[in-house]
Amino acid sequence: MWKWRDLTYMLFLVLVLVPIFIETILFTYLLSVFQNELYAGTLNGFIMAIVFTAALYFIVLKPNRQSWSTVGLKSFPLSEWKRITVWTVILIIVSIALVVAMSFIGIGTENSKTESLQSQMTLLNFAIGFVSAAIISPIYEEIFYRGFLYRFFSSRYGVLSGMIISSLIFTVVHIPTFNTLPVNFVSGLVFSWVYQKTGSIIPSILIHGIFNGIAVILTAIA
């Protein structure tokens, strides 16, 4: 239902424009203003969320006369709460296994984001980090990477190919936090599968938010 032109425009935005103008230039400016990596990163992430969702609406949905339900923003049966719980637990267990495996080859879990939060741990900073990771990021990332990308590729090449391709792109955009890439890829597969089985992006948002929220809590108490 979407054209390759739609995909090209969105990928150019995500893989070229956003890294250059938002993640680099804008972040550098915000860091000079706030002199605080956590605050600059959170505001930067919020602006990124606006850009992602606005671009998806004006480039893809509106020209095709589609609503947000097209990318999965719709209700789901209450019976799916069991699936949400099961896949949240599975994702946590697999992620722990990956972290342990990486530790054996000398790859730790620390990165600039966790170090920034740990070095400035106050109740306000914890709340800012939690909202950013557990609410803002899951909403716009699931709408784009699963609601749009996964659906685009799965409609053409099948469920498995859609899961792998969208998860690979989801993983690539998390560079340079290289030590999280295996977890990013696996979580992308889980979120795609849950979207496929429920027909709604909301369960994936919830699992994504719970997973990120737990990560922030563990970072805070570490």
Protein backbone atom coordinates (compact mmCIF):
# COMPACT_ATOMS: atom_id res chain seq x y z
CA MET A 1 0.00 0.00 0.00
CA TRP A 2 3.05 2.25 0.27
CA LYS A 3 5.43 3.11 -2.54
CA TRP A 4 9.19 2.68 -2.58
CA ARG A 5 9.35 6.46 -2.86
CA ASP A 6 7.73 6.72 0.58
CA LEU A 7 10.33 4.36 2.04
CA THR A 8 13.20 6.21 0.36
CA TYR A 9 12.11 9.57 1.75
CA MET A 10 11.71 8.20 5.27
CA LEU A 11 15.00 6.29 5.28
CA PHE A 12 16.84 9.36 3.97
CA LEU A 13 15.37 11.31 6.85
CA VAL A 14 16.23 8.67 9.46
CA LEU A 15 19.65 7.57 8.21
CA VAL A 16 21.00 10.86 6.84
CA LEU A 17 19.16 14.02 7.90
CA VAL A 18 18.44 13.07 11.52
CA PRO A 19 22.01 11.90 12.31
CA ILE A 20 23.53 15.03 10.75
CA PHE A 21 21.19 17.80 11.81
CA ILE A 22 19.58 16.49 15.01
CA GLU A 23 21.90 13.92 16.57
CA THR A 24 25.05 15.90 15.76
CA ILE A 25 24.49 19.60 15.08
CA LEU A 26 21.42 20.16 17.27
CA PHE A 27 22.75 17.99 20.10
CA THR A 28 26.05 19.89 20.12
CA TYR A 29 24.14 23.17 20.34
CA LEU A 30 21.85 21.93 23.13
CA LEU A 31 24.85 20.60 25.04
CA SER A 32 26.48 24.02 24.87
CA VAL A 33 23.28 25.60 26.19
CA PHE A 34 22.51 23.16 29.02
CA GLN A 35 26.05 22.04 29.80
CA ASN A 36 24.38 18.77 30.73
CA GLU A 37 24.38 15.69 28.49
CA LEU A 38 21.25 14.20 30.08
CA TYR A 39 19.13 17.34 29.55
CA ALA A 40 20.49 17.94 26.06
CA GLY A 41 19.95 14.31 25.10
CA THR A 42 16.39 14.22 26.45
CA LEU A 43 15.33 17.40 24.62
CA ASN A 44 17.11 16.17 21.52
CA GLY A 45 15.17 12.89 21.74
CA PHE A 46 11.88 14.74 22.15
CA ILE A 47 12.57 16.85 19.06
CA MET A 48 13.52 13.69 17.19
CA ALA A 49 10.20 12.10 18.16
CA ILE A 50 8.32 15.11 16.76
CA VAL A 51 10.33 15.00 13.52
CA PHE A 52 9.77 11.25 13.07
CA THR A 53 6.02 11.34 13.64
CA ALA A 54 5.46 14.56 11.67
CA ALA A 55 7.45 13.23 8.72
CA LEU A 56 5.58 9.93 8.75
CA TYR A 57 2.27 11.78 8.74
CA PHE A 58 3.06 14.37 6.06
CA ILE A 59 5.19 12.15 3.81
CA VAL A 60 3.38 8.82 4.07
CA LEU A 61 -0.03 8.91 5.74
CA LYS A 62 -1.58 12.18 4.62
CA PRO A 63 -0.67 11.86 0.90
CA ASN A 64 -2.14 8.34 0.92
CA ARG A 65 -5.23 9.52 2.83
CA GLN A 66 -4.53 7.19 5.73
CA SER A 67 -5.01 7.52 9.48
CA TRP A 68 -2.68 6.52 12.30
CA SER A 69 -4.52 3.22 12.58
CA THR A 70 -2.77 2.25 9.33
CA VAL A 71 0.51 1.99 11.26
CA GLY A 72 -1.12 0.08 14.10
CA LEU A 73 -2.31 2.78 16.49
CA LYS A 74 -5.54 1.04 17.42
CA SER A 75 -7.05 -0.95 20.25
CA PHE A 76 -6.32 -4.61 20.84
CA PRO A 77 -8.21 -7.44 22.61
CA LEU A 78 -7.79 -7.65 26.37
CA SER A 79 -6.76 -11.28 25.92
CA GLU A 80 -3.50 -10.01 24.43
CA TRP A 81 -2.31 -8.85 27.86
CA LYS A 82 -1.14 -12.40 28.47
CA ARG A 83 0.97 -12.25 25.31
CA ILE A 84 2.39 -8.88 26.38
CA THR A 85 3.44 -10.30 29.75
CA VAL A 86 5.00 -13.41 28.25
CA TRP A 87 7.01 -11.56 25.62
CA THR A 88 8.17 -8.94 28.12
CA VAL A 89 9.58 -11.70 30.31
CA ILE A 90 11.15 -13.44 27.31
CA LEU A 91 12.80 -10.23 26.16
CA ILE A 92 14.22 -9.56 29.62
CA ILE A 93 15.61 -13.10 29.94
CA VAL A 94 17.17 -13.09 26.46
CA SER A 95 18.65 -9.61 27.01
CA ILE A 96 20.24 -10.71 30.30
CA ALA A 97 21.71 -13.74 28.53
CA LEU A 98 23.14 -11.49 25.81
CA VAL A 99 24.64 -9.10 28.37
CA VAL A 100 26.26 -12.02 30.23
CA ALA A 101 27.58 -13.44 26.96
CA MET A 102 29.06 -10.08 25.97
CA SER A 103 30.70 -9.72 29.38
CA PHE A 104 32.60 -12.96 28.76
CA ILE A 105 34.23 -11.42 25.68
CA GLY A 106 35.03 -8.19 27.48
CA ILE A 107 32.11 -6.03 26.31
CA GLY A 108 30.42 -4.13 29.14
CA THR A 109 27.04 -2.44 29.28
CA GLU A 110 28.27 1.07 30.04
CA ASN A 111 27.77 3.85 27.50
CA SER A 112 27.53 7.63 27.48
CA LYS A 113 23.81 7.57 28.28
CA THR A 114 24.07 5.35 31.35
CA GLU A 115 27.21 7.11 32.56
CA SER A 116 25.50 10.49 32.23
CA LEU A 117 22.53 9.37 34.30
CA GLN A 118 24.64 7.64 36.95
CA SER A 119 26.96 10.62 37.37
CA GLN A 120 24.05 13.04 37.88
CA MET A 121 21.63 10.86 39.81
CA THR A 122 18.90 12.97 41.38
CA LEU A 123 15.16 12.35 41.55
CA LEU A 124 14.57 14.92 38.80
CA ASN A 125 17.23 13.45 36.53
CA PHE A 126 15.90 9.94 37.12
CA ALA A 127 12.39 11.11 36.18
CA ILE A 128 13.70 12.82 33.03
CA GLY A 129 15.66 9.74 32.00
CA PHE A 130 12.71 7.46 32.72
CA VAL A 131 10.20 9.53 30.73
CA SER A 132 12.61 9.78 27.81
CA ALA A 133 13.46 6.07 27.69
CA ALA A 134 10.18 4.47 28.80
CA ILE A 135 7.62 6.78 27.19
CA ILE A 136 8.94 9.07 24.44
CA SER A 137 11.30 6.66 22.67
CA PRO A 138 8.97 3.61 22.62
CA ILE A 139 6.08 5.56 21.13
CA TYR A 140 7.79 7.10 18.11
CA GLU A 141 10.20 4.20 17.54
CA GLU A 142 7.44 1.58 17.45
CA ILE A 143 5.24 3.72 15.20
CA PHE A 144 8.07 4.12 12.71
CA TYR A 145 10.17 0.93 12.91
CA ARG A 146 7.32 -1.53 13.37
CA GLY A 147 4.21 0.34 12.25
CA PHE A 148 5.82 1.60 9.05
CA LEU A 149 9.08 -0.22 8.29
CA TYR A 150 8.09 -3.71 9.41
CA ARG A 151 4.74 -3.47 7.68
CA PHE A 152 6.34 -2.16 4.49
CA PHE A 153 8.83 -5.03 4.20
CA SER A 154 6.58 -7.81 5.53
CA SER A 155 3.86 -6.92 3.02
CA ARG A 156 6.38 -7.47 0.21
CA TYR A 157 8.72 -10.19 1.43
CA GLY A 158 6.87 -11.97 4.23
CA VAL A 159 6.85 -11.87 8.01
CA LEU A 160 10.34 -13.25 8.67
CA SER A 161 12.05 -10.98 6.15
CA GLY A 162 10.09 -8.00 7.45
CA MET A 163 11.18 -8.78 11.00
CA ILE A 164 14.84 -9.13 10.07
CA ILE A 165 15.10 -6.09 7.78
CA SER A 166 13.26 -3.71 10.10
CA SER A 167 15.24 -4.99 13.10
CA LEU A 168 18.54 -4.52 11.27
CA ILE A 169 17.65 -0.90 10.49
CA PHE A 170 16.51 -0.43 14.10
CA THR A 171 19.90 -1.77 15.21
CA VAL A 172 21.95 0.38 12.83
CA VAL A 173 20.39 3.64 14.05
CA HIS A 174 21.58 2.85 17.59
CA ILE A 175 25.21 3.09 16.52
CA PRO A 176 27.57 4.19 18.13
CA THR A 177 26.29 2.48 21.30
CA PHE A 178 27.82 -0.75 19.99
CA ASN A 179 27.44 -2.73 23.22
CA THR A 180 23.64 -2.53 22.99
CA LEU A 181 23.34 -3.61 19.35
CA PRO A 182 22.66 -7.35 19.98
CA VAL A 183 19.89 -6.43 22.41
CA ASN A 184 18.53 -3.85 19.95
CA PHE A 185 18.30 -6.48 17.22
CA VAL A 186 16.61 -9.10 19.39
CA SER A 187 14.18 -6.58 20.84
CA GLY A 188 13.33 -5.45 17.30
CA LEU A 189 12.42 -9.03 16.41
CA VAL A 190 10.21 -9.33 19.50
CA PHE A 191 8.43 -6.03 18.90
CA SER A 192 7.79 -6.95 15.26
CA TRP A 193 6.43 -10.37 16.17
CA VAL A 194 4.10 -8.95 18.81
CA TYR A 195 2.81 -6.38 16.30
CA GLN A 196 2.25 -9.15 13.77
CA LYS A 197 0.31 -11.30 16.24
CA THR A 198 -1.81 -8.55 17.81
CA GLY A 199 -2.41 -6.27 14.80
CA SER A 200 -1.78 -3.27 17.05
CA ILE A 201 1.40 -1.32 17.73
CA ILE A 202 0.31 -0.52 21.29
CA PRO A 203 1.43 -3.88 22.80
CA SER A 204 4.89 -3.34 21.27
CA ILE A 205 4.99 0.17 22.73
CA LEU A 206 4.10 -1.22 26.15
CA ILE A 207 6.74 -3.97 26.07
CA HIS A 208 9.32 -1.51 24.75
CA GLY A 209 8.44 0.98 27.48
CA ILE A 210 8.53 -1.61 30.28
CA PHE A 211 11.87 -2.96 29.05
CA ASN A 212 13.46 0.49 28.80
CA GLY A 213 11.97 1.52 32.13
CA ILE A 214 13.52 -1.48 33.86
CA ALA A 215 16.86 -0.65 32.24
CA VAL A 216 16.71 2.91 33.60
CA ILE A 217 15.85 1.66 37.08
CA LEU A 218 18.76 -0.82 37.04
CA THR A 219 21.06 1.95 35.84
CA ALA A 220 19.92 4.17 38.71
CA ILE A 221 20.52 1.59 41.43
CA ALA A 222 23.74 0.16 39.96
